Amino acid sequence: MDFGTTVGDAFAYAQEGLVGKWTKWVLLLIATILLALPLMGYMLKILRGEKPAPEVSDWGTLFIDGIKYLIIAIIYAIPVIIVEFLMIGGLMATSMIGDPNAMMAAIGGMIIGLIVVLILAIIIGLFETIGLVRFARTGSIGEAFNFNAIMATIGKIGWITYIIALIILVIIVGIIEFICMLIPLIGMLLLFILIPFLTMFSARYICLLYDSAGA
């Protein structure tokens, strides 16, 4: 997989889809405001491989697909939520005891727990990313959790290639978000305005990554 070509393709896709097409940009901002559900539905259209970037239309379908997207994301998040709940519950129980030594041990456990949560979230994210594409392509929520098929797809991409590709995506989006946050007063507004572009870029990037498996 040529990372540079993939990044360039995804950037060009978002540029052609939004620059000069300000009505679409505004509609996607509205989709973001509406609990982001229509935006999630729109992402699924891109993950299906639609090219050029699809129009923002059929809001009912966008909402329904967005709800399905959210359900999948919540199910994937359950293990992380459980671990976090156990950590918080343990810390609260220890704080009620009032023993300083126990509290220090609980804080140490919390730090270890946070590391575990981070690692768990990363592992889940690897499967969830491909799972969402499978859902977009098949329309079946069950296919989002077809772990044998998901692992087979990642295997075709190459685990190292897949992980590096996702790291590159996170770095690119992270740098843009960081630069926006450095701008006084209007940084948050600028970041909000860029949501449609970053969403379109990221979805197209993941679509290309999935297609590189030849699936």
Protein backbone atom coordinates (compact mmCIF):
# COMPACT_ATOMS: atom_id res chain seq x y z
CA MET A 1 0.00 0.00 0.00
CA ASP A 2 1.33 3.43 -0.98
CA PHE A 3 0.55 5.65 2.02
CA GLY A 4 1.34 8.87 0.17
CA THR A 5 -0.98 8.00 -2.70
CA THR A 6 -3.76 7.05 -0.28
CA VAL A 7 -3.44 10.31 1.64
CA GLY A 8 -3.37 12.27 -1.62
CA ASP A 9 -6.43 10.48 -2.97
CA ALA A 10 -8.39 11.04 0.24
CA PHE A 11 -7.42 14.72 0.33
CA ALA A 12 -8.36 15.23 -3.33
CA TYR A 13 -11.66 13.43 -2.72
CA ALA A 14 -12.56 15.79 0.13
CA GLN A 15 -11.32 18.83 -1.79
CA GLU A 16 -13.37 17.99 -4.88
CA GLY A 17 -16.35 17.11 -2.74
CA LEU A 18 -16.44 20.29 -0.67
CA VAL A 19 -14.32 23.15 -1.97
CA GLY A 20 -16.57 25.41 -4.01
CA LYS A 21 -19.60 23.35 -3.00
CA TRP A 22 -20.45 25.40 0.04
CA THR A 23 -24.06 24.26 0.24
CA LYS A 24 -22.89 20.69 0.80
CA TRP A 25 -20.39 21.94 3.40
CA VAL A 26 -23.15 23.79 5.28
CA LEU A 27 -25.47 20.79 5.12
CA LEU A 28 -22.77 18.60 6.64
CA LEU A 29 -22.28 21.15 9.41
CA ILE A 30 -26.02 20.96 10.07
CA ALA A 31 -25.70 17.17 10.08
CA THR A 32 -22.99 17.56 12.72
CA ILE A 33 -25.20 19.73 14.90
CA LEU A 34 -28.03 17.16 14.75
CA LEU A 35 -26.23 14.86 17.22
CA ALA A 36 -23.88 13.94 14.34
CA LEU A 37 -26.24 11.09 13.40
CA PRO A 38 -26.77 12.22 9.78
CA LEU A 39 -23.01 12.79 9.52
CA MET A 40 -22.40 9.19 10.57
CA GLY A 41 -24.90 8.06 7.96
CA TYR A 42 -23.09 10.15 5.36
CA MET A 43 -19.78 8.55 6.33
CA LEU A 44 -21.26 5.15 5.58
CA LYS A 45 -22.06 6.30 2.04
CA ILE A 46 -18.39 7.17 1.55
CA LEU A 47 -17.30 3.87 3.10
CA ARG A 48 -19.42 2.07 0.51
CA GLY A 49 -17.04 3.47 -2.07
CA GLU A 50 -19.27 6.14 -3.61
CA LYS A 51 -17.24 8.40 -5.88
CA PRO A 52 -17.31 11.32 -6.31
CA ALA A 53 -18.39 12.40 -2.86
CA PRO A 54 -22.15 11.80 -2.55
CA GLU A 55 -24.66 14.59 -2.13
CA VAL A 56 -26.20 15.25 1.26
CA SER A 57 -29.71 14.00 0.63
CA ASP A 58 -32.35 11.56 1.90
CA TRP A 59 -32.03 12.73 5.50
CA GLY A 60 -34.27 9.97 6.80
CA THR A 61 -31.85 7.31 5.56
CA LEU A 62 -28.90 9.29 6.90
CA PHE A 63 -30.51 9.40 10.36
CA ILE A 64 -31.36 5.68 10.36
CA ASP A 65 -27.89 4.68 9.15
CA GLY A 66 -26.39 7.04 11.71
CA ILE A 67 -28.34 5.36 14.50
CA LYS A 68 -27.12 1.94 13.31
CA TYR A 69 -23.56 3.32 13.20
CA LEU A 70 -23.96 4.57 16.78
CA ILE A 71 -25.34 1.21 17.96
CA ILE A 72 -22.31 -0.58 16.49
CA ALA A 73 -19.94 1.92 18.13
CA ILE A 74 -21.65 1.51 21.52
CA ILE A 75 -21.49 -2.29 21.34
CA TYR A 76 -17.79 -2.13 20.52
CA ALA A 77 -17.29 0.28 23.43
CA ILE A 78 -18.91 -2.03 26.02
CA PRO A 79 -15.64 -3.74 27.14
CA VAL A 80 -13.99 -0.34 27.67
CA ILE A 81 -17.04 0.96 29.55
CA ILE A 82 -17.03 -2.09 31.83
CA VAL A 83 -13.34 -1.70 32.69
CA GLU A 84 -13.78 2.02 33.34
CA PHE A 85 -16.82 1.33 35.55
CA LEU A 86 -14.86 -1.21 37.59
CA MET A 87 -11.96 1.24 38.01
CA ILE A 88 -14.18 4.10 39.16
CA GLY A 89 -16.17 1.80 41.43
CA GLY A 90 -12.98 0.47 43.01
CA LEU A 91 -11.59 3.97 43.59
CA MET A 92 -14.85 5.16 45.15
CA ALA A 93 -15.01 2.14 47.44
CA THR A 94 -11.41 2.68 48.55
CA SER A 95 -11.99 6.39 49.20
CA MET A 96 -14.84 5.49 51.56
CA ILE A 97 -12.46 3.37 53.65
CA GLY A 98 -10.26 6.37 54.29
CA ASP A 99 -7.00 4.40 54.56
CA PRO A 100 -4.17 6.50 52.99
CA ASN A 101 -2.19 3.38 52.01
CA ALA A 102 -5.22 1.83 50.39
CA MET A 103 -5.89 5.09 48.59
CA MET A 104 -2.34 5.22 47.19
CA ALA A 105 -2.69 1.62 46.03
CA ALA A 106 -6.02 2.51 44.41
CA ILE A 107 -4.44 5.44 42.58
CA GLY A 108 -1.67 3.17 41.34
CA GLY A 109 -4.29 0.70 40.22
CA MET A 110 -6.16 3.50 38.46
CA ILE A 111 -3.05 4.45 36.47
CA ILE A 112 -2.52 0.82 35.44
CA GLY A 113 -6.21 0.60 34.63
CA LEU A 114 -6.02 3.65 32.37
CA ILE A 115 -3.17 2.03 30.46
CA VAL A 116 -5.24 -1.15 30.12
CA VAL A 117 -8.23 0.89 28.90
CA LEU A 118 -6.06 2.66 26.32
CA ILE A 119 -4.63 -0.61 25.00
CA LEU A 120 -8.10 -2.20 24.96
CA ALA A 121 -9.55 0.80 23.11
CA ILE A 122 -6.80 0.61 20.47
CA ILE A 123 -7.34 -3.12 19.92
CA ILE A 124 -11.11 -2.65 19.66
CA GLY A 125 -10.58 0.26 17.27
CA LEU A 126 -8.63 -1.97 14.90
CA PHE A 127 -11.59 -4.32 14.58
CA GLU A 128 -14.28 -1.64 14.71
CA THR A 129 -12.83 0.27 11.75
CA ILE A 130 -13.09 -2.69 9.40
CA GLY A 131 -16.37 -3.75 11.00
CA LEU A 132 -17.98 -0.43 10.12
CA VAL A 133 -16.88 -0.76 6.50
CA ARG A 134 -18.34 -4.26 6.40
CA PHE A 135 -21.62 -2.89 7.72
CA ALA A 136 -21.56 -0.10 5.14
CA ARG A 137 -20.94 -2.57 2.31
CA THR A 138 -23.43 -5.26 3.40
CA GLY A 139 -26.09 -3.33 5.33
CA SER A 140 -25.94 -6.02 8.04
CA ILE A 141 -25.12 -5.01 11.61
CA GLY A 142 -24.08 -8.60 12.25
CA GLU A 143 -21.32 -8.26 9.65
CA ALA A 144 -19.82 -5.45 11.74
CA PHE A 145 -19.00 -8.16 14.29
CA ASN A 146 -17.94 -10.91 11.89
CA PHE A 147 -14.51 -11.15 13.48
CA ASN A 148 -13.29 -13.98 11.26
CA ALA A 149 -14.00 -11.89 8.15
CA ILE A 150 -12.56 -8.79 9.80
CA MET A 151 -9.32 -10.56 10.69
CA ALA A 152 -9.14 -12.03 7.19
CA THR A 153 -9.43 -8.53 5.69
CA ILE A 154 -6.77 -7.11 8.00
CA GLY A 155 -4.58 -10.09 7.16
CA LYS A 156 -4.87 -9.30 3.45
CA ILE A 157 -3.95 -5.68 4.09
CA GLY A 158 -1.15 -6.77 6.40
CA TRP A 159 -1.35 -6.11 10.14
CA ILE A 160 1.72 -3.86 10.19
CA THR A 161 0.56 -1.96 7.10
CA TYR A 162 -2.92 -1.60 8.58
CA ILE A 163 -1.67 -0.28 11.92
CA ILE A 164 0.78 2.13 10.29
CA ALA A 165 -1.98 3.41 7.97
CA LEU A 166 -4.27 4.14 10.93
CA ILE A 167 -1.44 5.82 12.84
CA ILE A 168 -0.81 8.08 9.84
CA LEU A 169 -4.50 9.01 9.74
CA VAL A 170 -4.55 9.78 13.47
CA ILE A 171 -1.40 11.91 13.16
CA ILE A 172 -2.75 13.94 10.22
CA VAL A 173 -6.10 14.62 11.87
CA GLY A 174 -4.40 15.23 15.22
CA ILE A 175 -2.01 17.81 13.77
CA ILE A 176 -4.88 19.71 12.13
CA GLU A 177 -6.87 19.66 15.37
CA PHE A 178 -3.81 20.76 17.38
CA ILE A 179 -3.13 23.69 15.04
CA CYS A 180 -6.75 24.80 15.32
CA MET A 181 -6.58 24.64 19.13
CA LEU A 182 -3.52 26.91 19.09
CA ILE A 183 -5.46 29.70 17.39
CA PRO A 184 -6.87 32.03 20.07
CA LEU A 185 -10.61 32.67 20.22
CA ILE A 186 -11.57 31.22 16.82
CA GLY A 187 -9.71 27.92 17.08
CA MET A 188 -12.73 25.92 18.24
CA LEU A 189 -14.94 27.53 15.62
CA LEU A 190 -12.40 26.75 12.89
CA LEU A 191 -12.19 23.14 14.06
CA PHE A 192 -15.99 22.87 13.90
CA ILE A 193 -16.03 24.30 10.38
CA LEU A 194 -13.42 21.75 9.31
CA ILE A 195 -15.43 18.77 10.58
CA PRO A 196 -17.02 18.03 7.16
CA PHE A 197 -13.62 18.07 5.43
CA LEU A 198 -11.94 15.92 8.09
CA THR A 199 -14.87 13.50 8.08
CA MET A 200 -14.85 13.13 4.31
CA PHE A 201 -11.06 12.79 4.22
CA SER A 202 -11.00 10.16 7.00
CA ALA A 203 -13.88 8.10 5.58
CA ARG A 204 -12.34 8.05 2.11
CA TYR A 205 -8.94 7.11 3.57
CA ILE A 206 -10.47 4.17 5.47
CA CYS A 207 -12.42 3.15 2.36
CA LEU A 208 -9.19 2.99 0.34
CA LEU A 209 -7.46 1.12 3.15
CA TYR A 210 -10.22 -1.48 3.16
CA ASP A 211 -10.19 -1.80 -0.64
CA SER A 212 -6.43 -2.36 -0.59
CA ALA A 213 -7.23 -5.85 0.76
CA GLY A 214 -8.97 -6.64 -2.50
CA ALA A 215 -12.08 -7.53 -0.48
